[in-house]
Protein backbone atom coordinates (compact mmCIF):
# COMPACT_ATOMS: atom_id res chain seq x y z
CA UNK A 1 -4.51 15.47 -0.49
CA UNK A 2 -1.01 14.08 0.91
CA UNK A 3 -0.65 16.59 3.55
CA UNK A 4 -4.73 16.23 4.65
CA UNK A 5 -4.00 12.12 4.36
CA UNK A 6 -1.17 12.80 6.88
CA UNK A 7 -2.74 14.83 9.26
CA UNK A 8 -5.94 12.34 9.25
CA UNK A 9 -3.68 9.62 10.02
CA UNK A 10 -2.05 11.71 13.33
CA UNK A 11 -5.23 12.89 14.67
CA UNK A 12 -6.15 8.64 14.31
CA UNK A 13 -2.88 7.80 15.93
CA UNK A 14 -3.77 9.93 18.81
CA UNK A 15 -7.30 8.56 19.31
CA UNK A 16 -5.85 4.95 19.16
CA UNK A 17 -3.28 5.69 21.82
CA UNK A 18 -5.94 7.28 24.20
CA UNK A 19 -8.00 4.18 23.42
CA UNK A 20 -5.55 1.98 24.08
CA UNK A 21 -4.57 3.28 26.84
CA UNK A 22 -7.92 3.36 28.79
CA UNK A 23 -8.66 -0.30 27.43
CA UNK A 24 -5.73 -2.00 29.10
CA UNK A 25 -6.12 0.08 32.30
CA UNK A 26 -9.88 -0.16 32.66
CA UNK A 27 -11.26 -3.71 32.73
CA UNK A 28 -14.88 -2.33 32.10
CA UNK A 29 -14.03 -0.31 28.86
CA UNK A 30 -14.14 -1.76 25.93
CA UNK A 31 -17.38 -3.89 26.09
CA UNK A 32 -19.15 -5.90 23.28
CA UNK A 33 -17.05 -6.79 20.52
CA UNK A 34 -14.06 -5.62 21.82
CA UNK A 35 -14.44 -7.63 25.47
CA UNK A 36 -12.99 -10.90 23.78
CA UNK A 37 -9.59 -9.69 23.29
CA UNK A 38 -7.01 -10.20 26.08
CA UNK A 39 -5.55 -6.74 25.42
CA UNK A 40 -5.13 -3.94 23.36
CA UNK A 41 -1.96 -2.60 21.33
CA UNK A 42 -1.88 0.58 19.41
CA UNK A 43 1.27 2.16 17.53
CA UNK A 44 2.67 3.46 13.89
CA UNK A 45 4.44 1.86 11.20
CA UNK A 46 6.90 3.93 9.19
CA UNK A 47 7.96 1.54 6.34
CA UNK A 48 10.07 2.13 3.26
CA UNK A 49 9.46 -0.20 0.29
CA UNK A 50 10.20 -1.51 -2.75
CA UNK A 51 7.79 -1.65 -5.67
CA UNK A 52 7.30 -4.15 -8.31
CA UNK A 53 4.75 -4.18 -11.37
CA UNK A 54 3.91 -7.72 -13.00
CA UNK A 55 2.82 -6.46 -16.69
CA UNK A 56 0.71 -8.46 -19.25
CA UNK A 57 0.05 -6.66 -22.29
CA UNK A 58 -1.62 -7.15 -25.55
CA UNK A 59 -3.43 -5.32 -28.60
CA UNK A 60 -3.36 -1.76 -28.71
CA UNK A 61 -0.81 -1.78 -25.60
CA UNK A 62 1.28 -5.06 -26.76
CA UNK A 63 4.83 -4.20 -26.25
CA UNK A 64 4.28 -2.61 -22.87
CA UNK A 65 6.54 -4.27 -19.92
CA UNK A 66 7.36 -3.29 -16.39
CA UNK A 67 10.18 -0.67 -16.18
CA UNK A 68 11.99 -1.66 -12.84
CA UNK A 69 11.46 -1.18 -9.32
CA UNK A 70 11.22 1.93 -7.25
CA UNK A 71 11.38 2.74 -3.38
CA UNK A 72 8.23 4.37 -2.10
CA UNK A 73 6.75 4.73 1.45
CA UNK A 74 4.26 3.27 3.78
CA UNK A 75 2.92 4.59 6.81
CA UNK A 76 0.27 4.73 9.30
CA UNK A 77 -1.39 3.42 13.03
CA UNK A 78 -1.49 -0.34 13.58
CA UNK A 79 -3.98 -1.87 16.07
CA UNK A 80 -2.91 -5.33 17.35
CA UNK A 81 -5.93 -7.05 19.41
CA UNK A 82 -4.66 -9.93 21.54
CA UNK A 83 -6.70 -13.08 21.88
CA UNK A 84 -3.71 -14.42 23.91
CA UNK A 85 -0.12 -13.29 24.77
CA UNK A 86 0.91 -15.62 21.39
CA UNK A 87 -1.57 -14.69 18.74
CA UNK A 88 -3.34 -11.57 18.01
CA UNK A 89 -5.33 -9.83 15.00
CA UNK A 90 -3.56 -7.23 13.46
CA UNK A 91 -5.10 -4.30 11.43
CA UNK A 92 -4.74 -0.48 10.76
CA UNK A 93 -5.02 2.16 8.59
CA UNK A 94 -1.84 2.75 6.29
CA UNK A 95 -1.35 5.46 3.80
CA UNK A 96 0.70 3.74 0.77
CA UNK A 97 2.57 4.87 -2.21
CA UNK A 98 2.66 2.83 -5.01
CA UNK A 99 4.56 3.47 -8.40
CA UNK A 100 3.60 1.95 -11.81
CA UNK A 101 6.47 1.94 -15.15
CA UNK A 102 6.21 1.02 -18.00
CA UNK A 103 8.37 0.81 -20.51
CA UNK A 104 7.50 0.36 -24.38
CA UNK A 105 8.06 0.42 -27.93
CA UNK A 106 7.86 3.74 -30.02
CA UNK A 107 5.46 1.95 -32.14
CA UNK A 108 2.57 2.93 -29.57
CA UNK A 109 2.19 6.41 -31.08
CA UNK A 110 1.22 4.34 -34.67
CA UNK A 111 -2.16 4.07 -32.77
CA UNK A 112 -5.24 5.12 -34.07
CA UNK A 113 -5.86 7.87 -31.76
CA UNK A 114 -2.31 9.74 -32.14
CA UNK A 115 -3.13 9.70 -35.65
CA UNK A 116 -6.45 11.40 -35.54
CA UNK A 117 -4.61 14.17 -32.60
CA UNK A 118 -1.34 13.96 -32.93
CA UNK A 119 1.32 15.25 -30.84
CA UNK A 120 1.32 19.36 -29.72
CA UNK A 121 4.51 21.12 -29.86
CA UNK A 122 4.87 20.52 -25.99
CA UNK A 123 4.34 17.17 -26.22
CA UNK A 124 7.49 14.47 -26.75
CA UNK A 125 7.48 11.13 -28.00
CA UNK A 126 8.55 9.12 -25.07
CA UNK A 127 9.10 5.39 -24.14
CA UNK A 128 8.00 5.26 -20.15
CA UNK A 129 4.93 5.95 -18.80
CA UNK A 130 5.27 6.50 -14.64
CA UNK A 131 2.52 6.84 -12.33
CA UNK A 132 2.31 7.21 -8.31
CA UNK A 133 -0.72 5.93 -6.88
CA UNK A 134 -1.54 7.00 -3.49
CA UNK A 135 -3.63 4.20 -1.37
CA UNK A 136 -5.06 4.06 1.77
CA UNK A 137 -4.70 0.16 2.88
CA UNK A 138 -6.93 -1.67 5.71
CA UNK A 139 -4.97 -4.58 6.72
CA UNK A 140 -6.76 -7.81 8.03
CA UNK A 141 -4.10 -9.49 9.20
CA UNK A 142 -2.80 -12.36 12.32
CA UNK A 143 0.35 -12.40 14.30
CA UNK A 144 1.74 -14.98 16.03
CA UNK A 145 4.48 -14.41 18.32
CA UNK A 146 6.91 -17.11 19.63
CA UNK A 147 8.81 -17.28 23.50
CA UNK A 148 11.29 -14.38 23.57
CA UNK A 149 14.22 -15.82 21.45
CA UNK A 150 16.32 -12.81 22.52
CA UNK A 151 16.11 -10.82 25.89
CA UNK A 152 12.64 -9.22 25.93
CA UNK A 153 12.58 -9.79 21.85
CA UNK A 154 9.92 -12.14 20.72
CA UNK A 155 9.82 -12.91 17.31
CA UNK A 156 6.50 -12.43 15.01
CA UNK A 157 4.79 -14.09 11.47
CA UNK A 158 2.47 -12.20 10.07
CA UNK A 159 0.11 -13.29 7.50
CA UNK A 160 -3.70 -12.13 6.22
CA UNK A 161 -4.42 -9.22 3.41
CA UNK A 162 -4.95 -5.97 2.61
CA UNK A 163 -7.74 -3.88 1.18
CA UNK A 164 -6.51 -0.44 -0.80
CA UNK A 165 -8.37 1.83 -1.58
CA UNK A 166 -6.99 4.51 -4.05
CA UNK A 167 -7.31 8.49 -3.44
CA UNK A 168 -5.14 9.72 -5.81
CA UNK A 169 -3.40 8.66 -9.31
CA UNK A 170 -0.47 10.98 -10.50
CA UNK A 171 0.88 10.56 -13.73
CA UNK A 172 5.22 11.80 -13.79
CA UNK A 173 6.54 13.91 -16.47
CA UNK A 174 3.56 14.42 -18.59
CA UNK A 175 5.15 15.69 -21.84
CA UNK A 176 6.98 12.79 -22.33
CA UNK A 177 4.34 10.35 -20.79
CA UNK A 178 3.01 7.76 -23.45
CA UNK A 179 0.31 6.47 -21.80
CA UNK A 180 -0.86 9.64 -19.99
CA UNK A 181 -0.91 11.13 -23.93
CA UNK A 182 -3.27 8.39 -24.72
CA UNK A 183 -5.50 8.74 -22.05
CA UNK A 184 -5.54 12.58 -22.81
CA UNK A 185 -7.24 11.98 -26.23
CA UNK A 186 -9.68 9.13 -25.31
CA UNK A 187 -13.50 10.28 -26.00
CA UNK A 188 -14.54 11.02 -22.08
CA UNK A 189 -12.23 11.47 -19.03
CA UNK A 190 -11.25 8.15 -18.21
CA UNK A 191 -8.57 6.99 -15.18
CA UNK A 192 -6.21 4.53 -16.06
CA UNK A 193 -6.33 2.80 -12.93
CA UNK A 194 -9.39 1.46 -10.94
CA UNK A 195 -10.45 2.34 -7.56
CA UNK A 196 -8.29 -0.10 -5.43
CA UNK A 197 -6.45 -3.69 -4.87
CA UNK A 198 -6.99 -6.39 -2.81
CA UNK A 199 -3.40 -7.92 -2.05
CA UNK A 200 -1.96 -11.05 0.12
CA UNK A 201 0.23 -9.46 2.58
CA UNK A 202 3.31 -12.08 4.63
CA UNK A 203 5.75 -10.53 7.25
CA UNK A 204 8.10 -11.78 9.71
CA UNK A 205 9.71 -9.47 12.33
CA UNK A 206 10.45 -8.95 15.96
CA UNK A 207 9.39 -6.61 18.93
CA UNK A 208 11.74 -5.13 21.57
CA UNK A 209 10.19 -4.20 24.91
CA UNK A 210 11.37 -0.78 25.64
CA UNK A 211 9.36 0.03 29.08
CA UNK A 212 7.93 -2.42 31.85
CA UNK A 213 4.36 -1.08 30.42
CA UNK A 214 4.56 -2.79 27.68
CA UNK A 215 5.90 -0.26 24.98
CA UNK A 216 7.89 -1.55 22.39
CA UNK A 217 9.93 -0.77 18.95
CA UNK A 218 9.04 -3.38 15.83
CA UNK A 219 10.61 -4.05 13.03
CA UNK A 220 10.04 -6.56 10.09
CA UNK A 221 10.41 -7.56 6.58
CA UNK A 222 6.79 -7.72 4.83
CA UNK A 223 5.99 -8.63 1.12
CA UNK A 224 2.68 -7.86 -0.61
CA UNK A 225 0.82 -8.94 -3.50
CA UNK A 226 -1.95 -7.77 -5.41
CA UNK A 227 -4.32 -10.06 -6.29
CA UNK A 228 -6.38 -8.36 -8.74
CA UNK A 229 -5.49 -6.15 -12.09
CA UNK A 230 -5.36 -2.41 -10.68
CA UNK A 231 -6.17 -1.06 -14.88
CA UNK A 232 -9.67 -0.07 -15.54
CA UNK A 233 -11.10 -2.81 -17.46
CA UNK A 234 -13.50 -0.64 -19.77
CA UNK A 235 -10.57 0.84 -21.82
CA UNK A 236 -7.38 -0.31 -20.56
CA UNK A 237 -8.49 -3.72 -20.20
CA UNK A 238 -5.61 -5.32 -22.25
CA UNK A 239 -2.99 -3.73 -20.22
CA UNK A 240 -3.27 -5.97 -17.08
CA UNK A 241 -0.78 -4.49 -14.52
CA UNK A 242 -0.44 -6.06 -10.54
CA UNK A 243 1.66 -4.64 -7.88
CA UNK A 244 4.23 -6.57 -5.44
CA UNK A 245 6.30 -4.92 -2.50
CA UNK A 246 8.90 -5.69 -0.22
CA UNK A 247 8.75 -3.27 2.89
CA UNK A 248 11.32 -2.64 5.92
CA UNK A 249 9.09 -2.42 8.75
CA UNK A 250 9.80 -0.06 11.49
CA UNK A 251 7.52 1.19 14.35
CA UNK A 252 6.17 1.73 17.98
CA UNK A 253 3.53 0.64 19.92
CA UNK A 254 2.03 1.27 22.87
């Protein structure tokens, strides 16, 4: 799944680059919706980030807490549609891995499910439950650019939101992952996490021009905050989890 997504994003980037060059060089290309924009810049973003979880738990999941931060990666093509030189609508399609990490007391194994179906010989009682969630993110943001504070390097502010669609859910260390063990004992196979998320995005950065044609290297800091609960409400509604992340943004625009 991961390799297929990365190949798809690479193909999309190549297509975006060709569209961007044609759009900016041919005044008659890109009519309709696209004709509203002054110019179009495509690029690619590579962003390592620190993931943070916000957890509230009750009833069967009482005692669950966030188990610290982890480093994960977000990458993918971007598209900046300039309304003027200083204002742009910025979007893209990013492959993003988020971590969710819980710690809990050993009393979680007193749950009726574990009494009815005890641990097998291959399973171990654990006190941490860690997961990797893979998303496709659609950012919907605005960028505001300053004048060149440094030589050919305008600063930008970015704000808006993201729509995240989950494409994979991977439990880590299954033999000692209490929440995965709990999930395996449910009457029907159910995902622990919902199909998506909606988040807030805030960022600041700069763009350094690297050619007269408008190519640029960009860098910045970005904060994302999930606004909805990511656990499935039917079975895991008493375990409320929201995600947050700080990213270091690096990339190029064409």
